[in-house]
Protein backbone atom coordinates (compact mmCIF):
# COMPACT_ATOMS: atom_id res chain seq x y z
CA MET A 1 42.33 -30.84 -223.90
CA GLU A 2 44.33 -33.56 -225.63
CA SER A 3 48.16 -33.51 -226.45
CA GLY A 4 48.23 -32.56 -229.86
CA THR A 5 45.63 -29.95 -230.40
CA HIS A 6 45.62 -25.98 -229.36
CA SER A 7 42.71 -24.37 -227.99
CA THR A 8 42.52 -20.64 -228.82
CA SER A 9 41.26 -17.59 -227.09
CA HIS A 10 39.82 -14.38 -229.29
CA VAL A 11 40.39 -11.72 -227.74
CA ASP A 12 39.68 -9.18 -230.20
CA ASP A 13 40.23 -9.70 -234.83
CA GLN A 14 43.41 -8.82 -234.28
CA SER A 15 45.32 -10.85 -231.48
CA TYR A 16 44.15 -14.05 -229.95
CA PHE A 17 45.99 -16.31 -226.95
CA ILE A 18 47.31 -19.72 -227.34
CA LEU A 19 46.91 -22.11 -224.58
CA GLU A 20 49.16 -25.37 -224.70
CA ASN A 21 49.10 -27.92 -222.26
CA THR A 22 52.33 -25.82 -221.25
CA VAL A 23 52.05 -22.74 -217.93
CA LYS A 24 53.50 -20.31 -220.84
CA VAL A 25 50.73 -18.53 -222.50
CA VAL A 26 51.56 -17.60 -226.26
CA HIS A 27 49.94 -14.35 -227.17
CA VAL A 28 50.20 -14.58 -231.01
CA VAL A 29 49.37 -10.73 -232.85
CA GLN A 30 48.26 -11.12 -236.06
CA CYS A 31 48.57 -7.73 -237.10
CA GLN A 32 51.05 -6.27 -240.64
CA ASP A 33 52.00 -3.37 -238.90
CA VAL A 34 54.15 -4.82 -235.81
CA VAL A 35 57.79 -4.48 -237.71
CA THR A 36 60.12 -7.08 -236.15
CA HIS A 37 63.58 -5.75 -234.77
CA VAL A 38 66.98 -7.51 -235.63
CA TYR A 39 69.09 -5.38 -234.63
CA VAL A 40 70.22 -7.60 -231.56
CA ASP A 41 71.59 -10.61 -233.94
CA GLU A 42 74.11 -7.81 -235.41
CA LYS A 43 74.56 -6.13 -232.51
CA LYS A 44 75.63 -8.72 -230.63
CA LYS A 45 77.83 -9.46 -233.55
CA ALA A 46 79.25 -6.47 -233.74
CA GLN A 47 79.84 -5.86 -230.09
CA PRO A 48 82.85 -8.18 -230.06
CA ILE A 49 84.68 -7.05 -232.54
CA LEU A 50 84.85 -3.66 -231.47
CA LEU A 51 86.20 -4.79 -228.39
CA GLY A 52 88.82 -6.84 -230.13
CA GLU A 53 89.63 -3.68 -232.13
CA ILE A 54 89.90 -1.67 -228.95
CA LEU A 55 91.70 -4.00 -226.77
CA GLY A 56 93.91 -4.53 -229.82
CA LEU A 57 94.45 -0.91 -229.99
CA TYR A 58 95.87 -0.75 -226.20
CA GLN A 59 97.47 -3.48 -226.44
CA ALA A 60 99.68 -1.87 -229.63
CA VAL A 61 100.30 1.16 -227.63
CA CYS A 62 100.71 0.79 -224.17
CA VAL A 63 104.40 0.98 -224.21
CA ASP A 64 105.08 4.27 -226.03
CA ILE A 65 103.35 7.43 -224.07
CA ASP A 66 103.09 9.34 -226.66
CA GLN A 67 101.13 6.38 -229.09
CA ILE A 68 99.23 6.57 -225.59
CA ARG A 69 98.26 10.06 -225.85
CA GLU A 70 97.76 10.45 -229.56
CA LEU A 71 95.38 7.46 -229.16
CA THR A 72 93.33 9.13 -226.67
CA SER A 73 92.94 12.58 -228.24
CA ILE A 74 91.74 10.41 -231.46
CA VAL A 75 89.29 8.68 -229.34
CA ARG A 76 88.09 11.56 -227.68
CA GLU A 77 87.67 13.39 -231.33
CA ALA A 78 85.59 10.53 -232.47
CA ARG A 79 83.41 10.50 -229.35
CA GLN A 80 82.52 14.76 -229.56
CA LYS A 81 81.87 13.39 -233.84
CA ILE A 82 79.60 10.12 -232.70
CA PHE A 83 77.04 11.72 -229.97
CA ALA A 84 77.61 15.59 -231.46
CA ASP A 85 73.77 15.59 -230.62
CA GLY A 86 74.23 14.72 -227.15
CA VAL A 87 75.28 11.64 -225.42
CA VAL A 88 72.28 9.15 -225.52
CA THR A 89 71.47 6.63 -222.73
CA SER A 90 70.46 3.34 -223.42
CA THR A 91 67.34 3.59 -221.15
CA ALA A 92 66.04 6.28 -223.15
CA GLN A 93 66.71 4.08 -226.17
CA LYS A 94 65.12 1.57 -224.88
CA ASN A 95 61.94 3.49 -224.30
CA LYS A 96 62.08 4.39 -227.57
CA LEU A 97 62.03 0.64 -228.97
CA ILE A 98 59.23 -0.09 -226.56
CA GLU A 99 56.86 2.74 -228.16
CA GLU A 100 57.99 1.32 -231.64
CA PHE A 101 56.61 -1.70 -231.05
CA TYR A 102 53.47 -1.03 -229.18
CA VAL A 103 53.13 2.20 -231.00
CA ALA A 104 52.00 3.86 -227.65
CA GLY A 105 54.39 5.66 -225.18
CA ALA A 106 53.50 5.42 -221.29
CA PRO A 107 51.20 7.38 -219.51
CA GLN A 108 51.74 10.57 -218.25
CA GLU A 109 49.97 10.07 -215.28
CA VAL A 110 49.58 6.70 -213.25
CA ASP A 111 46.68 6.24 -211.14
CA VAL A 112 47.90 4.10 -208.08
CA GLN A 113 45.18 2.74 -205.21
CA PRO A 114 47.04 1.92 -201.77
CA PRO A 115 46.74 -1.61 -201.04
CA GLU A 116 43.82 -3.03 -198.80
CA VAL A 117 44.18 -2.58 -194.80
CA VAL A 118 44.55 -6.34 -193.30
CA SER A 119 43.89 -6.85 -189.71
CA MET A 120 47.16 -8.37 -188.09
CA LYS A 121 45.74 -9.25 -184.47
CA GLY A 122 45.85 -12.58 -183.14
CA SER A 123 48.31 -14.93 -183.18
CA GLY A 124 49.51 -18.35 -184.78
CA SER A 125 48.33 -21.18 -183.18
CA ARG A 126 51.26 -23.56 -181.49
CA LEU A 127 52.41 -26.36 -183.37
CA PRO A 128 52.57 -29.42 -181.32
CA SER A 129 55.29 -31.43 -180.83
CA ARG A 130 55.74 -35.13 -181.99
CA VAL A 131 55.63 -35.96 -178.44
CA GLU A 132 52.27 -34.66 -178.01
CA LYS A 133 50.81 -36.07 -181.07
CA ALA A 134 52.34 -39.42 -179.95
CA LEU A 135 50.47 -38.85 -176.29
CA LYS A 136 47.11 -37.64 -178.02
CA LEU A 137 46.68 -40.47 -180.57
CA LYS A 138 47.79 -42.95 -177.43
CA ASN A 139 44.34 -41.73 -175.40
CA LYS A 140 41.73 -41.45 -178.25
CA PRO A 141 39.92 -45.31 -177.48
CA LEU A 142 40.17 -47.65 -181.01
CA CYS A 143 37.52 -47.87 -183.12
CA GLN A 144 36.66 -50.71 -185.02
CA CYS A 145 37.16 -49.97 -189.12
CA LYS A 146 34.11 -50.97 -191.22
CA LYS A 147 36.23 -52.07 -193.80
CA CYS A 148 39.34 -54.09 -192.77
CA GLN A 149 37.44 -55.03 -189.59
CA GLU A 150 40.46 -54.25 -187.16
CA TRP A 151 40.28 -52.09 -183.77
CA GLY A 152 42.49 -49.15 -184.34
CA HIS A 153 42.75 -45.23 -184.84
CA HIS A 154 41.78 -45.95 -189.03
CA ASP A 155 38.39 -46.26 -190.54
CA SER A 156 36.92 -46.55 -194.08
CA ARG A 157 35.74 -43.07 -193.32
CA ASN A 158 37.76 -41.31 -192.89
């Protein structure tokens, strides 16, 4: 495969895989129904602003107990107003986004088979030490190499 070309493997009429000279396989979908979500960038921009406002309010009222109590009551009222329908957990929001993206929910029942039984009988072989390897090599008879005509423990065949 040349470095400038890509090979493609078609799965169906609407999607295909791009196989590059890298380890990653990129799955490309050619469907117009897929909606891209841009909320991540907006959320990352809005979070530091919110945290800065909260920290600024806390620093402004931290010296007076009456102001602390008043700010606490305002925050509780705002929480009740925002979460009037109930608190939505981040897991539920993520599951909703995934279902919207893939246009399919998680299956109600998952069929999982147990792993195959593996026999663990027997033990591993003992690894010889460097000294034992050297003694074994020393006791071997020398043979003549067919390529370089030297006597030793090597041969052109192996």
